[in-house]
Amino acid sequence: MTNYSEVRTKLQIEIDNKSDNDLAFLTHYLQNPKNGVSKYFKAHAVNYLSRLYEELSMAEDPIFAPYLPIKWDIAFPPPTSPKFKFIDLFAGIGGIRLAFQNLGGKCVFTSEWNNYAKRTYESNFGEVPFGDITKINTSEIPDHDILLAGFPCQPFSIAGVSKKNALGRAHGFLDETQGTLFFDVARIIQDKRPKVFMLENVKNLASHDRGNTFKIIFNTLKELKYSVHYKILDAKHFVPQHRERIIIVGFDDRSFHGKEKFEFPTLPRPSQKIQNILETKVNPKYTLTDKLWQYLQDYAAKHKEKGNGFGFGLVDFEGISRTISARYYKDGSEILIPQKGKNPRRLTPRECARLQGFPDEFVIPVSDTQAYKQFGNSVTVPLIQAVGKQIIKELLR
């Protein structure tokens, strides 16, 4: 049995800005040798290996024989006896995957366009996500029990939407989601018919454009013959961070006939404190410079005079933080840690990971700037896992 780290080195599994889907096909094949999924990836993987062997003047091994089965010496290896299969769309760094893998699921397909996020994903899960979902045909996606997606929300417009052919034919509300990334979620749901889906988005999705955006999404999912449940949940019940997100869960009417007994989880009483996630020794580079600290104070004072609430956020060690965002890398202003006798500091990337519920085993292979963006864009793992537990209970029932 060969370690993945050895395979990774020999087959040059390394993501750069020129990476295409070759490594995605290869790693997806390696992760799915005996579960009926490998057929979706084998031809492309073999073709890529043939080209690689020729390029490196290597003797061509029998098809993957030296590598299978693989010992997954990575932080979060795939389960050996999975209870269900899922796909991970708009995967980011894998927060949703981690939650559902913890629940016994096997990821059989993943997609993410950002190469820095792909690097973090592969470092932790041993799998390179496919790229732009808009260019992936549903015939290339394996069958699965659960579709998971933390899809970006671009503006929808009800008025003035031209009637286009969606999926090759006119199809009601799917016409109105053309040009948005939600459309790709909808077409995959329609073609693959997962038993369940779970979508995650910002709280404001529910109120965007006076509720019209969410109305289109909800009606699209209902039109696809799914029973839809949704709720806004706050991560503060699991981590010391106020972070509200809308979770949308759907059950296929053909499988459940609208009789599923799903309920969102009863959330535990908030008990986490910021001090619980702080590192004991922190590099001085995370302390704000005099110039930046003065700027933030002046900026806050200016807006206070105008009656606005804009400004930096010094945390209470016994309390919780504001919502961390992808802009945290700029100045860290929304979450600053007070320090005796010196300027406050930013959170470290590891502290950001903890703030989102990632275990310390989670590998951070990118720069601080990219790490701040990645954790700011991520889901809160234990919140997603709590919802997932309720989904799996109904799926397996």
Protein backbone atom coordinates (compact mmCIF):
# COMPACT_ATOMS: atom_id res chain seq x y z
CA MET A 1 0.00 0.00 0.00
CA THR A 2 1.42 3.38 -1.07
CA ASN A 3 1.13 6.57 0.96
CA TYR A 4 -0.66 9.43 -0.75
CA SER A 5 2.29 11.70 0.04
CA GLU A 6 4.50 9.46 -2.13
CA VAL A 7 1.94 9.39 -4.96
CA ARG A 8 1.57 13.15 -4.65
CA THR A 9 5.30 13.67 -5.17
CA LYS A 10 5.74 11.13 -7.99
CA LEU A 11 2.72 12.28 -9.97
CA GLN A 12 3.37 15.98 -9.32
CA ILE A 13 0.02 16.73 -7.68
CA GLU A 14 0.63 20.40 -7.04
CA ILE A 15 -1.73 23.27 -7.80
CA ASP A 16 -0.55 26.46 -9.46
CA ASN A 17 -2.24 29.28 -11.35
CA LYS A 18 -2.16 27.26 -14.56
CA SER A 19 -3.88 24.20 -13.10
CA ASP A 20 -6.73 22.74 -15.12
CA ASN A 21 -8.91 19.72 -14.40
CA ASP A 22 -6.24 17.06 -15.04
CA LEU A 23 -5.36 16.78 -11.35
CA ALA A 24 -9.04 16.81 -10.43
CA PHE A 25 -9.71 13.77 -12.64
CA LEU A 26 -6.63 12.01 -11.29
CA THR A 27 -7.30 12.54 -7.58
CA HIS A 28 -11.03 11.85 -7.92
CA TYR A 29 -10.14 8.55 -9.58
CA LEU A 30 -7.68 7.65 -6.84
CA GLN A 31 -10.26 8.41 -4.15
CA ASN A 32 -12.98 6.25 -5.72
CA PRO A 33 -11.48 2.94 -6.84
CA LYS A 34 -14.23 0.53 -5.76
CA ASN A 35 -17.47 2.42 -5.23
CA GLY A 36 -18.87 2.58 -8.76
CA VAL A 37 -17.73 6.17 -9.20
CA SER A 38 -14.31 5.71 -10.83
CA LYS A 39 -15.85 5.28 -14.30
CA TYR A 40 -16.56 9.03 -14.38
CA PHE A 41 -12.88 9.87 -13.99
CA LYS A 42 -10.81 6.95 -15.28
CA ALA A 43 -10.47 7.82 -18.99
CA HIS A 44 -9.28 11.37 -18.33
CA ALA A 45 -7.00 10.22 -15.50
CA VAL A 46 -5.35 7.54 -17.65
CA ASN A 47 -4.88 10.01 -20.50
CA TYR A 48 -3.27 12.53 -18.18
CA LEU A 49 -0.92 9.94 -16.71
CA SER A 50 0.13 8.79 -20.18
CA ARG A 51 1.05 12.37 -21.09
CA LEU A 52 2.85 12.85 -17.78
CA TYR A 53 4.93 9.66 -18.18
CA GLU A 54 5.91 10.72 -21.70
CA GLU A 55 6.81 14.24 -20.58
CA LEU A 56 9.00 12.98 -17.72
CA SER A 57 10.40 10.04 -19.71
CA MET A 58 9.05 7.68 -17.06
CA ALA A 59 8.28 4.04 -17.64
CA GLU A 60 4.51 3.76 -17.88
CA ASP A 61 3.14 1.73 -14.98
CA PRO A 62 0.16 -0.57 -15.42
CA ILE A 63 -2.97 1.51 -14.90
CA PHE A 64 -2.55 2.79 -11.34
CA ALA A 65 -1.55 -0.66 -10.12
CA PRO A 66 1.37 0.66 -8.06
CA TYR A 67 -0.85 3.19 -6.33
CA LEU A 68 -4.06 1.38 -5.41
CA PRO A 69 -5.17 1.00 -2.75
CA ILE A 70 -3.71 4.18 -1.25
CA LYS A 71 -2.95 4.87 2.38
CA TRP A 72 -4.33 8.36 2.88
CA ASP A 73 -1.74 10.03 5.09
CA ILE A 74 -3.61 13.33 5.12
CA ALA A 75 -5.46 15.26 7.81
CA PHE A 76 -8.94 14.09 6.79
CA PRO A 77 -8.88 10.80 4.85
CA PRO A 78 -12.00 9.46 3.13
CA PRO A 79 -14.14 7.07 5.22
CA THR A 80 -13.57 3.37 4.63
CA SER A 81 -17.23 2.35 5.07
CA PRO A 82 -19.34 5.37 4.10
CA LYS A 83 -23.06 5.59 4.87
CA PHE A 84 -23.93 7.89 1.95
CA LYS A 85 -22.44 9.76 -1.02
CA PHE A 86 -22.40 13.53 -1.49
CA ILE A 87 -21.01 16.20 -3.80
CA ASP A 88 -19.43 19.46 -2.66
CA LEU A 89 -20.06 22.47 -4.94
CA PHE A 90 -18.54 25.95 -4.49
CA ALA A 91 -16.43 24.01 -2.03
CA GLY A 92 -14.05 26.72 -0.82
CA ILE A 93 -11.62 25.07 1.59
CA GLY A 94 -13.94 22.19 2.44
CA GLY A 95 -15.84 23.26 5.56
CA ILE A 96 -19.06 21.63 4.38
CA ARG A 97 -17.21 18.51 3.23
CA LEU A 98 -15.52 18.21 6.62
CA ALA A 99 -18.88 18.37 8.41
CA PHE A 100 -20.53 15.71 6.26
CA GLN A 101 -17.42 13.51 6.17
CA ASN A 102 -17.48 13.58 9.98
CA LEU A 103 -21.02 12.20 9.71
CA GLY A 104 -19.87 9.20 7.67
CA GLY A 105 -20.32 10.50 4.13
CA LYS A 106 -18.10 9.96 1.08
CA CYS A 107 -17.52 12.91 -1.22
CA VAL A 108 -17.62 11.72 -4.85
CA PHE A 109 -17.29 15.06 -6.66
CA THR A 110 -16.15 18.54 -5.74
CA SER A 111 -15.87 21.87 -7.53
CA GLU A 112 -14.17 25.17 -6.67
CA TRP A 113 -12.75 27.81 -9.04
CA ASN A 114 -10.18 29.52 -6.79
CA ASN A 115 -6.73 27.94 -7.05
CA TYR A 116 -5.59 29.06 -3.59
CA ALA A 117 -8.68 27.43 -2.07
CA LYS A 118 -7.98 24.31 -4.15
CA ARG A 119 -4.50 24.17 -2.64
CA THR A 120 -5.90 24.20 0.90
CA TYR A 121 -8.58 21.68 -0.05
CA GLU A 122 -6.09 19.21 -1.54
CA SER A 123 -3.71 19.59 1.41
CA ASN A 124 -6.45 18.45 3.79
CA PHE A 125 -8.53 15.98 1.77
CA GLY A 126 -6.11 14.63 -0.84
CA GLU A 127 -8.42 15.66 -3.68
CA VAL A 128 -8.22 18.53 -6.17
CA PRO A 129 -11.60 20.15 -6.89
CA PHE A 130 -12.78 20.59 -10.46
CA GLY A 131 -12.85 24.17 -11.69
CA ASP A 132 -15.58 26.42 -13.08
CA ILE A 133 -18.91 24.71 -12.42
CA THR A 134 -20.54 26.53 -15.33
CA LYS A 135 -18.34 24.53 -17.71
CA ILE A 136 -19.05 21.12 -16.17
CA ASN A 137 -21.69 18.94 -17.79
CA THR A 138 -23.97 17.05 -15.42
CA SER A 139 -23.08 13.82 -17.24
CA GLU A 140 -19.60 14.17 -15.71
CA ILE A 141 -20.97 14.25 -12.16
CA PRO A 142 -21.50 10.91 -10.35
CA ASP A 143 -24.84 9.97 -8.82
CA HIS A 144 -25.08 10.98 -5.18
CA ASP A 145 -27.45 11.03 -2.22
CA ILE A 146 -26.86 14.62 -1.09
CA LEU A 147 -25.92 17.77 -2.99
CA LEU A 148 -24.13 20.40 -0.90
CA ALA A 149 -23.42 23.94 -2.05
CA GLY A 150 -22.41 27.20 -0.43
CA PHE A 151 -23.22 29.03 -3.64
CA PRO A 152 -22.38 32.73 -4.19
CA CYS A 153 -25.39 35.02 -4.47
CA GLN A 154 -25.36 37.35 -7.43
CA PRO A 155 -28.33 39.69 -7.97
CA PHE A 156 -31.45 38.25 -9.59
CA SER A 157 -33.90 40.37 -11.48
CA ILE A 158 -37.54 39.40 -11.95
CA ALA A 159 -38.51 42.36 -14.12
CA GLY A 160 -37.16 42.36 -17.63
CA VAL A 161 -35.67 38.87 -17.63
CA SER A 162 -35.65 37.63 -21.20
CA LYS A 163 -37.17 34.23 -21.77
CA LYS A 164 -34.32 31.88 -22.56
CA ASN A 165 -34.20 28.15 -22.95
CA ALA A 166 -32.99 26.66 -19.70
CA LEU A 167 -31.49 23.21 -20.02
CA GLY A 168 -32.54 23.14 -23.65
CA ARG A 169 -36.18 24.03 -23.08
CA ALA A 170 -38.31 26.67 -21.44
CA HIS A 171 -38.72 25.77 -17.80
CA GLY A 172 -40.42 28.42 -15.71
CA PHE A 173 -38.31 29.92 -12.96
CA LEU A 174 -35.12 28.29 -14.24
CA ASP A 175 -35.26 30.86 -17.04
CA GLU A 176 -34.94 33.61 -14.45
CA THR A 177 -31.83 32.16 -12.85
CA GLN A 178 -29.84 32.02 -16.09
CA GLY A 179 -26.62 33.97 -15.76
CA THR A 180 -26.36 33.28 -12.02
CA LEU A 181 -24.42 30.52 -10.31
CA PHE A 182 -27.61 29.31 -8.66
CA PHE A 183 -28.71 28.22 -12.12
CA ASP A 184 -25.89 25.65 -12.12
CA VAL A 185 -27.04 24.29 -8.77
CA ALA A 186 -30.57 24.02 -10.18
CA ARG A 187 -29.53 22.22 -13.38
CA ILE A 188 -27.47 19.69 -11.42
CA ILE A 189 -30.36 19.05 -9.04
CA GLN A 190 -32.72 18.59 -11.97
CA ASP A 191 -30.47 16.19 -13.86
CA LYS A 192 -28.99 14.15 -10.98
CA ARG A 193 -32.03 14.09 -8.65
CA PRO A 194 -30.20 13.79 -5.30
CA LYS A 195 -32.45 12.61 -2.51
CA VAL A 196 -31.52 15.68 -0.47
CA PHE A 197 -29.77 19.00 -1.00
CA MET A 198 -28.42 21.54 1.47
CA LEU A 199 -27.56 25.09 0.38
CA GLU A 200 -25.87 27.75 2.50
CA ASN A 201 -25.77 31.49 1.98
CA VAL A 202 -25.58 34.83 3.74
CA LYS A 203 -28.52 35.91 5.90
CA ASN A 204 -29.31 38.80 3.54
CA LEU A 205 -30.29 36.37 0.79
CA ALA A 206 -33.72 36.24 2.43
CA SER A 207 -34.24 40.00 2.17
CA HIS A 208 -32.28 40.87 -0.98
CA ASP A 209 -34.28 42.87 -3.53
CA ARG A 210 -37.25 43.05 -1.13
CA GLY A 211 -37.38 39.27 -0.94
CA ASN A 212 -37.61 38.71 -4.69
CA THR A 213 -34.25 36.94 -4.93
CA PHE A 214 -35.20 34.33 -2.36
CA LYS A 215 -38.65 33.99 -3.91
CA ILE A 216 -37.07 33.00 -7.22
CA ILE A 217 -34.74 30.50 -5.53
CA PHE A 218 -37.52 28.98 -3.43
CA ASN A 219 -39.93 28.68 -6.37
CA THR A 220 -37.21 27.18 -8.58
CA LEU A 221 -36.52 24.47 -6.02
CA LYS A 222 -40.23 23.77 -5.53
CA GLU A 223 -40.68 23.55 -9.29
CA LEU A 224 -37.95 20.92 -9.36
CA LYS A 225 -40.27 18.82 -7.13
CA TYR A 226 -38.49 19.20 -3.80
CA SER A 227 -39.98 19.88 -0.40
CA VAL A 228 -38.06 22.91 0.86
CA HIS A 229 -37.15 23.90 4.44
CA TYR A 230 -35.11 26.97 5.39
CA LYS A 231 -33.96 28.80 8.49
CA ILE A 232 -31.49 31.48 9.55
CA LEU A 233 -29.06 30.06 12.12
CA ASP A 234 -26.34 31.76 14.19
CA ALA A 235 -22.93 30.15 14.65
CA LYS A 236 -22.59 31.71 18.12
CA HIS A 237 -24.20 28.56 19.54
CA PHE A 238 -21.04 26.62 18.61
CA VAL A 239 -18.19 29.14 18.32
CA PRO A 240 -17.47 32.58 19.85
CA GLN A 241 -18.65 34.45 16.76
CA HIS A 242 -21.92 36.11 15.79
CA ARG A 243 -22.45 34.75 12.28
CA GLU A 244 -25.95 34.32 10.84
CA ARG A 245 -26.45 32.25 7.71
CA ILE A 246 -29.49 30.95 5.87
CA ILE A 247 -29.60 27.18 5.40
CA ILE A 248 -31.92 25.72 2.74
CA VAL A 249 -32.67 21.98 2.81
CA GLY A 250 -34.71 20.12 0.21
CA PHE A 251 -36.05 16.55 0.02
CA ASP A 252 -36.94 14.93 -3.30
CA ASP A 253 -40.68 14.45 -3.57
CA ARG A 254 -40.12 11.27 -5.58
CA SER A 255 -38.26 9.68 -2.67
CA PHE A 256 -39.98 11.21 0.37
CA HIS A 257 -43.37 12.19 -1.09
CA GLY A 258 -43.39 15.30 1.10
CA LYS A 259 -43.55 13.17 4.25
CA GLU A 260 -40.02 13.71 5.58
CA LYS A 261 -39.80 14.45 9.30
CA PHE A 262 -36.87 16.81 9.04
CA GLU A 263 -36.44 19.55 11.63
CA PHE A 264 -33.59 21.99 12.02
CA PRO A 265 -31.50 21.22 15.11
CA THR A 266 -32.22 22.67 18.52
CA LEU A 267 -29.10 24.76 19.07
CA PRO A 268 -27.17 24.52 22.35
CA ARG A 269 -26.93 27.48 24.68
CA PRO A 270 -24.04 29.77 23.60
CA SER A 271 -21.10 29.16 25.92
CA GLN A 272 -17.98 29.78 23.87
CA LYS A 273 -15.70 32.74 24.63
CA ILE A 274 -13.11 34.44 22.45
CA GLN A 275 -10.39 33.61 24.95
CA ASN A 276 -11.01 29.92 24.25
CA ILE A 277 -9.69 30.17 20.69
CA LEU A 278 -6.65 32.39 21.24
CA GLU A 279 -3.09 31.14 20.87
CA THR A 280 -0.73 31.58 23.83
CA LYS A 281 2.29 32.74 21.80
CA VAL A 282 1.64 35.11 18.91
CA ASN A 283 4.13 36.55 16.44
CA PRO A 284 4.53 40.34 16.88
CA LYS A 285 3.76 40.79 13.16
CA TYR A 286 0.05 40.48 13.98
CA THR A 287 0.15 43.61 16.18
CA LEU A 288 -1.19 46.69 14.38
CA THR A 289 1.35 49.33 13.42
CA ASP A 290 1.05 52.76 15.05
CA LYS A 291 -0.02 54.21 11.69
CA LEU A 292 -2.80 51.66 11.09
CA TRP A 293 -4.06 51.82 14.67
CA GLN A 294 -4.24 55.61 14.52
CA TYR A 295 -6.07 55.45 11.20
CA LEU A 296 -8.69 53.05 12.59
CA GLN A 297 -9.26 55.27 15.63
CA ASP A 298 -9.61 58.41 13.50
CA TYR A 299 -11.94 56.61 11.09
CA ALA A 300 -14.16 55.43 13.95
CA ALA A 301 -14.25 58.91 15.52
CA LYS A 302 -15.23 60.52 12.21
CA HIS A 303 -18.18 58.17 11.74
CA LYS A 304 -19.24 58.46 15.37
CA GLU A 305 -19.62 62.21 14.87
CA LYS A 306 -21.94 61.50 11.94
CA GLY A 307 -24.00 59.10 14.04
CA ASN A 308 -22.82 56.02 12.17
CA GLY A 309 -21.79 52.77 13.80
CA PHE A 310 -18.77 52.13 11.62
CA GLY A 311 -15.52 51.40 13.39
CA PHE A 312 -13.16 48.78 14.70
CA GLY A 313 -14.23 46.01 17.06
CA LEU A 314 -12.14 45.33 20.16
CA VAL A 315 -13.27 42.00 21.55
CA ASP A 316 -14.37 41.19 25.07
CA PHE A 317 -12.35 38.12 26.09
CA GLU A 318 -15.41 36.77 27.91
CA GLY A 319 -17.72 37.43 24.94
CA ILE A 320 -17.98 36.68 21.24
CA SER A 321 -16.72 38.44 18.15
CA ARG A 322 -18.34 40.13 15.22
CA THR A 323 -18.67 38.20 11.95
CA ILE A 324 -15.33 37.56 10.30
CA SER A 325 -15.37 38.39 6.58
CA ALA A 326 -13.15 37.86 3.54
CA ARG A 327 -11.87 41.44 3.94
CA TYR A 328 -10.27 40.65 7.29
CA TYR A 329 -6.85 40.56 5.60
CA LYS A 330 -7.03 44.32 4.92
CA ASP A 331 -6.83 45.66 8.47
CA GLY A 332 -8.50 43.15 10.80
CA SER A 333 -10.70 45.94 12.08
CA GLU A 334 -13.85 43.89 12.74
CA ILE A 335 -12.09 41.61 15.25
CA LEU A 336 -9.16 43.08 17.19
CA ILE A 337 -7.54 41.52 20.26
CA PRO A 338 -6.57 44.00 23.02
CA GLN A 339 -2.98 43.74 24.32
CA LYS A 340 -1.58 45.25 27.51
CA GLY A 341 0.89 48.04 26.89
CA LYS A 342 0.74 47.91 23.11
CA ASN A 343 -1.55 48.23 20.11
CA PRO A 344 -4.23 45.57 19.53
CA ARG A 345 -3.57 42.74 17.12
CA ARG A 346 -5.30 40.77 14.44
CA LEU A 347 -6.32 37.17 14.89
CA THR A 348 -3.77 34.71 13.54
CA PRO A 349 -4.88 32.40 10.70
CA ARG A 350 -5.05 29.51 13.17
CA GLU A 351 -7.31 31.54 15.45
CA CYS A 352 -9.52 32.32 12.44
CA ALA A 353 -9.72 28.60 11.73
CA ARG A 354 -10.78 27.94 15.31
CA LEU A 355 -13.32 30.77 15.12
CA GLN A 356 -14.95 28.86 12.25
CA GLY A 357 -14.84 25.54 14.10
CA PHE A 358 -11.99 23.91 12.19
CA PRO A 359 -9.86 21.50 14.26
CA ASP A 360 -6.18 22.28 14.75
CA GLU A 361 -5.31 19.36 12.45
CA PHE A 362 -6.59 21.46 9.55
CA VAL A 363 -3.61 22.36 7.35
CA ILE A 364 -3.11 25.99 6.31
CA PRO A 365 -0.69 25.83 3.33
CA VAL A 366 -1.24 29.37 2.00
CA SER A 367 -0.14 32.89 2.92
CA ASP A 368 -1.78 34.81 5.76
CA THR A 369 -3.62 37.00 3.25
CA GLN A 370 -5.13 34.02 1.45
CA ALA A 371 -5.90 32.26 4.75
CA TYR A 372 -7.84 35.29 6.01
CA LYS A 373 -9.86 35.35 2.78
CA GLN A 374 -10.52 31.61 2.96
CA PHE A 375 -11.70 31.47 6.55
CA GLY A 376 -13.72 34.66 6.09
CA ASN A 377 -15.55 33.01 3.21
CA SER A 378 -15.95 29.64 4.92
CA VAL A 379 -18.86 28.04 6.74
CA THR A 380 -18.79 27.35 10.47
CA VAL A 381 -18.15 23.60 10.55
CA PRO A 382 -20.02 22.54 13.74
CA LEU A 383 -23.15 24.47 12.72
CA ILE A 384 -23.23 22.74 9.34
CA GLN A 385 -22.57 19.41 11.04
CA ALA A 386 -25.52 19.93 13.39
CA VAL A 387 -27.82 20.52 10.41
CA GLY A 388 -26.22 17.60 8.57
CA LYS A 389 -26.91 15.27 11.46
CA GLN A 390 -30.63 16.01 11.13
CA ILE A 391 -30.49 15.47 7.37
CA ILE A 392 -28.67 12.13 7.68
CA LYS A 393 -31.08 10.92 10.33
CA GLU A 394 -33.97 11.42 7.91
CA LEU A 395 -32.05 10.13 4.87
CA LEU A 396 -31.13 6.85 6.59
CA ARG A 397 -34.55 6.48 8.20
